[in-house]
Amino acid sequence: MTRMLHVFVILSLLALGSGEEGARLLASKSLLNRYAVEGRDLTLQYSIYNVGSSAALEVELSDDSFPPEDFGIVSGMLNVKWDRIAPASNVSHTVVLRPLKAGYFNFTSATVSYLVQEGGQVVVKAVKVLSESKHLQSIVMCWKLKCPLLPFLQVGYSSAPGQGGILAQREFDRRFSPHYLDWAAFGVMTLPSIGIPLLLWYSSKRKYDSPKSKKN
C-alpha cells in the first residue's frame, strides 16, 4: 500500500512539474460567411496560438464533424499537420466547403494534438514517503531535481461555432437577391396599363391645345 502511494505521489508531482513549462496551444474554429447557403461556398478558418514557453511539435489539426454526404470539399483539407509552432506565435488554416443540404447543423469542435516539450530541463519537486511499524508516517522531503524534458502527447479541442441553419438556395434568393428579373418582368407587365392611357392623354392634349388658324 505504501509503495503504491509512493509511486502515485511521485507521478502526480512529475506531471505537475512538467506542466510548469512547455507548449500550450489554444485553437479556434470560426465561420467566415454571414450565411450558410445550400450549394454555395462556406469558408471555415482554424487558428492555433502557442501561449506556452516552448515550441509545440508535430501539431495535428483534425476535424471529422463534416459528413461527406452533407458537405463537399471545395479547397483545403480537414486534416493538416505542422512540424513546429514556436512559442508566442500562431498559424491559420482555411477550408472551403459546400453544403449539400439545407437545414440545421451543429458545428462542433476540431481536435488538436501535439507534443508538449522541446529539449531543456524541468524542475520537479519530489516527495519521499516512508513507513514505520504498523502506522503510516510520512516524512516529506522536497528538493529540486533537474530532469530532461520528455515530450508527451497533448490532445485538446478548438472552440465550436455551435448550431446554425443552412438556408436553401431558393429561400436565400427570395430573401437577399436583388430580383432584377422580377422587376423587369413587372415593368413589362405594367407597361401597357400605364403606357396606353398616357398615349391617349397626350394625343388628346395635342389636339385641343393646338392653336386655331385665324380666319382672314
Foldseek 3Di string as FASTA:
>chain_A
DQVVVQVVQQVVQVVVQLVVAWWDKAKAKDWPDPAAAAQDKTKIKMKIATQGDFKWAFKKKADPQQDCVFKDWPDFDRIDTDGIDGHGGMDMGMTIIHTNDWFKGFFAKIKIKTWIDDWDWTWTWHFDFDQDDPDGDGDGDTDTDTDIDDTDMDMDIHHGPTMDTHHYPVVCCVVDPPPPVVVVVVCVVCCVVPVVVVVVVVVVCCVVPPDDDDDD
